Amino acid sequence: MLLSICSIYLSIILGQVNVSLLSKVDRLNYKQNYENFKLVLNIITFILSCILLISPFKFRMVDAAYHFLFVWYYCTLTIREHILKVNGSKIKGWWMVHHFITTLAAGIFLVWPEGVTYWSFRDQFVVFCTYLSVVQVVMFYYQTGILYRLRALGLRNDMDITLEGFHSWMFRGFSFLLPFLFIGYAFQFYNAYTLYLLMFTPEWTEWQVPFLSGIFFILGSGNLLTTLAVVKNRYASSFKDFFSRNQYRLDMSKAKET
């Protein structure tokens, strides 16, 4: 189902172009280019966010270029992820939807007119982007190392990619980053709440405020529920294996006694 949706999306964006990469080398090279693209853009985002935060000068045109970078990044990301999906990468549905919604949010930020409400929320949003870029760079390096080991053991597909969320295979030495993800999700809820409060100020006139508040709430809820589902399933599987091993030992001990 998701694969057919990917094919429809790509046909709308690119036209009738065959995006299936026949060579394994080509598929792996495309995947590596995708990984490098994400890493470089996250580093650039971090640098630009720091400059915006420490700069004493604030210009809406500079911010517009910053927001346009996000629009371009997430548009490009969704296209590349759909191509990877067609070529065998396993990308969960929510994380693809997440990037669609984030692209919409970036576009709304881009057209948000300069005013009191914009500048009231602007610094908080830039701090959020700074935190997010740091977490994603750290996750990239840890996920890359874990995926390399799992692929060497034959436990993961060669086309598996690093992702922004938490997945079951990340419990292998990666669970310590869970608190940082939850902080990011809490930040999204805080953004939604801040924007919600701005709707009750006398300066509020822009439609972007309630729309972005709703989007941040949806993103935070989707990320949190998806991650909690992964954690729940992982621990449920661990408990099941634990009780199965104990039952096996008990049966073996009873067999020896008889």
Protein backbone atom coordinates (compact mmCIF):
# COMPACT_ATOMS: atom_id res chain seq x y z
CA MET A 1 0.00 0.00 0.00
CA LEU A 2 2.72 2.48 1.03
CA LEU A 3 4.83 1.50 -1.96
CA SER A 4 1.98 2.27 -4.37
CA ILE A 5 1.47 5.66 -2.68
CA CYS A 6 5.19 6.35 -3.15
CA SER A 7 4.90 5.51 -6.86
CA ILE A 8 1.90 7.85 -7.27
CA TYR A 9 3.71 10.66 -5.42
CA LEU A 10 6.82 10.31 -7.57
CA SER A 11 4.79 10.23 -10.78
CA ILE A 12 3.09 13.48 -9.75
CA ILE A 13 6.38 15.21 -8.89
CA LEU A 14 8.72 13.76 -11.52
CA GLY A 15 6.34 12.58 -14.23
CA GLN A 16 6.56 9.17 -15.87
CA VAL A 17 10.17 8.52 -14.93
CA ASN A 18 11.51 5.13 -13.90
CA VAL A 19 13.20 5.68 -10.52
CA SER A 20 14.02 2.01 -9.93
CA LEU A 21 17.78 1.63 -9.69
CA LEU A 22 18.69 -1.70 -11.26
CA SER A 23 22.26 -1.91 -9.99
CA LYS A 24 22.92 -2.68 -6.34
CA VAL A 25 25.91 -0.32 -6.46
CA ASP A 26 23.68 2.49 -7.76
CA ARG A 27 21.13 1.87 -4.98
CA LEU A 28 23.80 1.93 -2.29
CA ASN A 29 25.40 5.07 -3.75
CA TYR A 30 22.03 6.82 -3.85
CA LYS A 31 21.38 5.82 -0.25
CA GLN A 32 24.78 7.14 0.81
CA ASN A 33 24.15 10.42 -1.01
CA TYR A 34 20.87 10.70 0.90
CA GLU A 35 22.66 10.14 4.21
CA ASN A 36 25.35 12.73 3.38
CA PHE A 37 22.67 15.21 2.29
CA LYS A 38 20.90 14.95 5.64
CA LEU A 39 24.11 15.25 7.63
CA VAL A 40 25.39 18.32 5.75
CA LEU A 41 22.02 20.10 5.91
CA ASN A 42 21.70 19.45 9.65
CA ILE A 43 25.15 20.90 10.25
CA ILE A 44 24.30 23.93 8.10
CA THR A 45 21.01 24.35 10.00
CA PHE A 46 22.87 24.28 13.31
CA ILE A 47 25.36 26.93 12.17
CA LEU A 48 22.66 29.21 10.75
CA SER A 49 20.51 28.81 13.86
CA CYS A 50 23.40 29.80 16.12
CA ILE A 51 24.11 32.86 13.95
CA LEU A 52 20.46 33.93 14.11
CA LEU A 53 20.41 33.53 17.88
CA ILE A 54 23.59 35.49 18.66
CA SER A 55 23.19 38.18 16.00
CA PRO A 56 21.97 41.54 17.41
CA PHE A 57 20.36 42.31 14.04
CA LYS A 58 17.02 40.77 13.08
CA PHE A 59 15.71 41.04 9.53
CA ARG A 60 12.61 39.28 8.22
CA MET A 61 14.26 38.74 4.82
CA VAL A 62 17.11 36.83 6.46
CA ASP A 63 14.58 34.74 8.37
CA ALA A 64 12.69 34.11 5.11
CA ALA A 65 15.86 32.64 3.58
CA TYR A 66 16.23 30.48 6.72
CA HIS A 67 12.65 29.19 6.40
CA PHE A 68 13.06 28.64 2.65
CA LEU A 69 16.04 26.40 3.40
CA PHE A 70 13.70 24.19 5.45
CA VAL A 71 11.09 24.15 2.69
CA TRP A 72 13.70 23.08 0.12
CA TYR A 73 15.31 20.56 2.50
CA TYR A 74 12.11 18.75 3.44
CA CYS A 75 10.73 18.82 -0.11
CA THR A 76 13.97 17.24 -1.34
CA LEU A 77 13.94 14.80 1.57
CA THR A 78 10.44 13.52 0.82
CA ILE A 79 11.29 12.94 -2.85
CA ARG A 80 14.52 11.11 -2.01
CA GLU A 81 12.79 8.99 0.64
CA HIS A 82 10.09 7.93 -1.82
CA ILE A 83 12.78 6.93 -4.32
CA LEU A 84 14.56 4.96 -1.60
CA LYS A 85 11.26 3.31 -0.63
CA VAL A 86 10.71 2.20 -4.23
CA ASN A 87 14.26 0.76 -4.25
CA GLY A 88 13.90 -1.32 -1.10
CA SER A 89 14.47 0.94 1.90
CA LYS A 90 12.21 0.25 4.87
CA ILE A 91 10.79 3.59 6.00
CA LYS A 92 7.86 3.57 8.41
CA GLY A 93 4.75 5.40 7.28
CA TRP A 94 4.64 7.96 10.08
CA TRP A 95 8.15 9.28 9.43
CA MET A 96 7.30 9.89 5.78
CA VAL A 97 4.06 11.64 6.77
CA HIS A 98 6.07 13.56 9.36
CA HIS A 99 8.23 15.08 6.63
CA PHE A 100 5.19 16.07 4.57
CA ILE A 101 3.73 17.88 7.58
CA THR A 102 7.07 19.51 8.38
CA THR A 103 7.30 20.77 4.79
CA LEU A 104 3.88 22.35 5.24
CA ALA A 105 4.98 23.96 8.52
CA ALA A 106 8.12 25.39 6.89
CA GLY A 107 6.01 26.88 4.10
CA ILE A 108 3.69 28.51 6.64
CA PHE A 109 6.67 29.99 8.49
CA LEU A 110 7.94 31.35 5.17
CA VAL A 111 4.73 33.29 4.48
CA TRP A 112 4.14 34.38 8.09
CA PRO A 113 4.21 38.22 7.85
CA GLU A 114 6.45 40.28 10.08
CA GLY A 115 4.69 41.38 13.24
CA VAL A 116 4.57 41.18 17.01
CA THR A 117 3.44 37.54 17.10
CA TYR A 118 6.14 36.45 14.65
CA TRP A 119 8.96 38.05 16.62
CA SER A 120 7.46 36.77 19.90
CA PHE A 121 7.84 33.18 18.71
CA ARG A 122 10.85 33.49 16.42
CA ASP A 123 13.67 32.97 18.96
CA GLN A 124 11.93 30.01 20.57
CA PHE A 125 11.58 28.36 17.17
CA VAL A 126 15.25 28.94 16.31
CA VAL A 127 16.30 27.42 19.66
CA PHE A 128 14.10 24.43 18.86
CA CYS A 129 15.75 24.04 15.42
CA THR A 130 19.20 24.29 17.04
CA TYR A 131 18.37 21.53 19.52
CA LEU A 132 16.82 19.38 16.79
CA SER A 133 19.84 19.66 14.49
CA VAL A 134 22.22 18.64 17.30
CA VAL A 135 20.11 15.60 18.21
CA GLN A 136 19.81 14.54 14.58
CA VAL A 137 23.56 14.78 13.96
CA VAL A 138 24.26 12.69 17.07
CA MET A 139 21.59 10.18 16.04
CA PHE A 140 23.09 9.99 12.54
CA TYR A 141 26.51 8.93 13.80
CA TYR A 142 25.16 6.40 16.29
CA GLN A 143 22.64 4.95 13.84
CA THR A 144 25.30 4.66 11.14
CA GLY A 145 27.54 2.65 13.45
CA ILE A 146 24.75 0.37 14.64
CA LEU A 147 23.43 -0.24 11.12
CA TYR A 148 26.95 -1.11 9.94
CA ARG A 149 27.30 -3.76 12.66
CA LEU A 150 23.81 -5.16 12.10
CA ARG A 151 24.32 -5.38 8.33
CA ALA A 152 27.64 -7.17 8.91
CA LEU A 153 25.75 -9.70 11.05
CA GLY A 154 23.06 -10.09 8.40
CA LEU A 155 20.37 -8.63 10.67
CA ARG A 156 19.52 -5.54 8.59
CA ASN A 157 18.96 -4.77 4.91
CA ASP A 158 21.70 -2.95 2.96
CA MET A 159 19.14 -0.28 2.02
CA ASP A 160 18.12 0.53 5.60
CA ILE A 161 18.71 4.20 6.36
CA THR A 162 19.16 6.44 9.39
CA LEU A 163 15.91 7.99 10.58
CA GLU A 164 14.83 10.78 12.89
CA GLY A 165 12.72 8.60 15.17
CA PHE A 166 13.35 5.58 17.36
CA HIS A 167 13.13 2.02 16.03
CA SER A 168 13.39 -1.42 17.58
CA TRP A 169 16.90 -2.13 16.27
CA MET A 170 18.18 1.00 18.04
CA PHE A 171 17.90 -0.69 21.44
CA ARG A 172 21.28 -2.22 20.68
CA GLY A 173 23.39 0.42 22.42
CA PHE A 174 21.23 3.35 21.36
CA SER A 175 18.49 3.56 23.98
CA PHE A 176 20.41 6.21 25.99
CA LEU A 177 19.28 8.78 23.39
CA LEU A 178 15.60 8.18 24.16
CA PRO A 179 15.44 10.98 26.80
CA PHE A 180 16.79 13.48 24.26
CA LEU A 181 14.08 12.46 21.79
CA PHE A 182 11.41 12.88 24.46
CA ILE A 183 12.78 16.34 25.24
CA GLY A 184 12.41 17.19 21.55
CA TYR A 185 8.81 15.95 21.57
CA ALA A 186 8.09 17.99 24.72
CA PHE A 187 9.57 21.01 22.93
CA GLN A 188 7.09 20.49 20.10
CA PHE A 189 4.20 20.48 22.56
CA TYR A 190 5.64 23.61 24.18
CA ASN A 191 5.78 25.29 20.76
CA ALA A 192 2.13 24.38 20.19
CA TYR A 193 1.19 25.78 23.62
CA THR A 194 3.14 29.03 23.09
CA LEU A 195 1.46 29.61 19.74
CA TYR A 196 -1.91 28.81 21.32
CA LEU A 197 -1.34 31.51 23.95
CA LEU A 198 -0.40 34.00 21.23
CA MET A 199 -3.93 33.63 19.88
CA PHE A 200 -5.22 35.43 22.99
CA THR A 201 -2.97 38.46 22.66
CA PRO A 202 -4.39 41.70 21.22
CA GLU A 203 -1.66 41.71 18.54
CA TRP A 204 -2.75 38.41 17.01
CA THR A 205 -4.26 38.73 13.52
CA GLU A 206 -2.40 36.12 11.41
CA TRP A 207 -3.90 32.76 10.44
CA GLN A 208 -0.43 31.20 10.64
CA VAL A 209 -0.51 31.13 14.45
CA PRO A 210 -3.36 28.61 14.98
CA PHE A 211 -2.26 26.52 11.99
CA LEU A 212 1.30 26.18 13.29
CA SER A 213 0.04 25.48 16.80
CA GLY A 214 -2.03 22.58 15.45
CA ILE A 215 0.86 21.29 13.33
CA PHE A 216 3.29 21.26 16.26
CA PHE A 217 0.72 19.42 18.35
CA ILE A 218 0.19 16.82 15.61
CA LEU A 219 3.95 16.35 15.14
CA GLY A 220 4.56 16.01 18.87
CA SER A 221 1.68 13.56 19.30
CA GLY A 222 2.67 11.44 16.29
CA ASN A 223 6.33 11.29 17.30
CA LEU A 224 5.53 10.47 20.92
CA LEU A 225 2.93 7.78 20.16
CA THR A 226 5.11 6.15 17.49
CA THR A 227 8.15 6.03 19.78
CA LEU A 228 6.11 4.75 22.74
CA ALA A 229 4.66 2.00 20.53
CA VAL A 230 8.19 0.90 19.55
CA VAL A 231 9.32 0.87 23.19
CA LYS A 232 6.18 -1.01 24.29
CA ASN A 233 6.56 -3.66 21.59
CA ARG A 234 10.25 -4.06 22.37
CA TYR A 235 9.72 -4.61 26.09
CA ALA A 236 6.71 -6.85 25.47
CA SER A 237 8.89 -9.00 23.20
CA SER A 238 11.70 -9.03 25.80
CA PHE A 239 9.32 -10.12 28.57
CA LYS A 240 7.88 -12.82 26.34
CA ASP A 241 11.35 -14.17 25.57
CA PHE A 242 12.27 -14.01 29.26
CA PHE A 243 9.23 -16.03 30.37
CA SER A 244 9.71 -18.49 27.50
CA ARG A 245 13.30 -19.17 28.59
CA ASN A 246 12.25 -19.58 32.22
CA GLN A 247 9.45 -21.97 31.21
CA TYR A 248 11.92 -23.97 29.12
CA ARG A 249 14.35 -24.26 32.04
CA LEU A 250 11.50 -25.28 34.34
CA ASP A 251 10.35 -27.97 31.91
CA MET A 252 13.90 -29.26 31.53
CA SER A 253 14.39 -29.45 35.29
CA LYS A 254 11.10 -31.34 35.68
CA ALA A 255 12.14 -33.74 32.90
CA LYS A 256 15.43 -34.48 34.70
CA GLU A 257 13.61 -35.15 37.99
CA THR A 258 11.36 -37.71 36.33
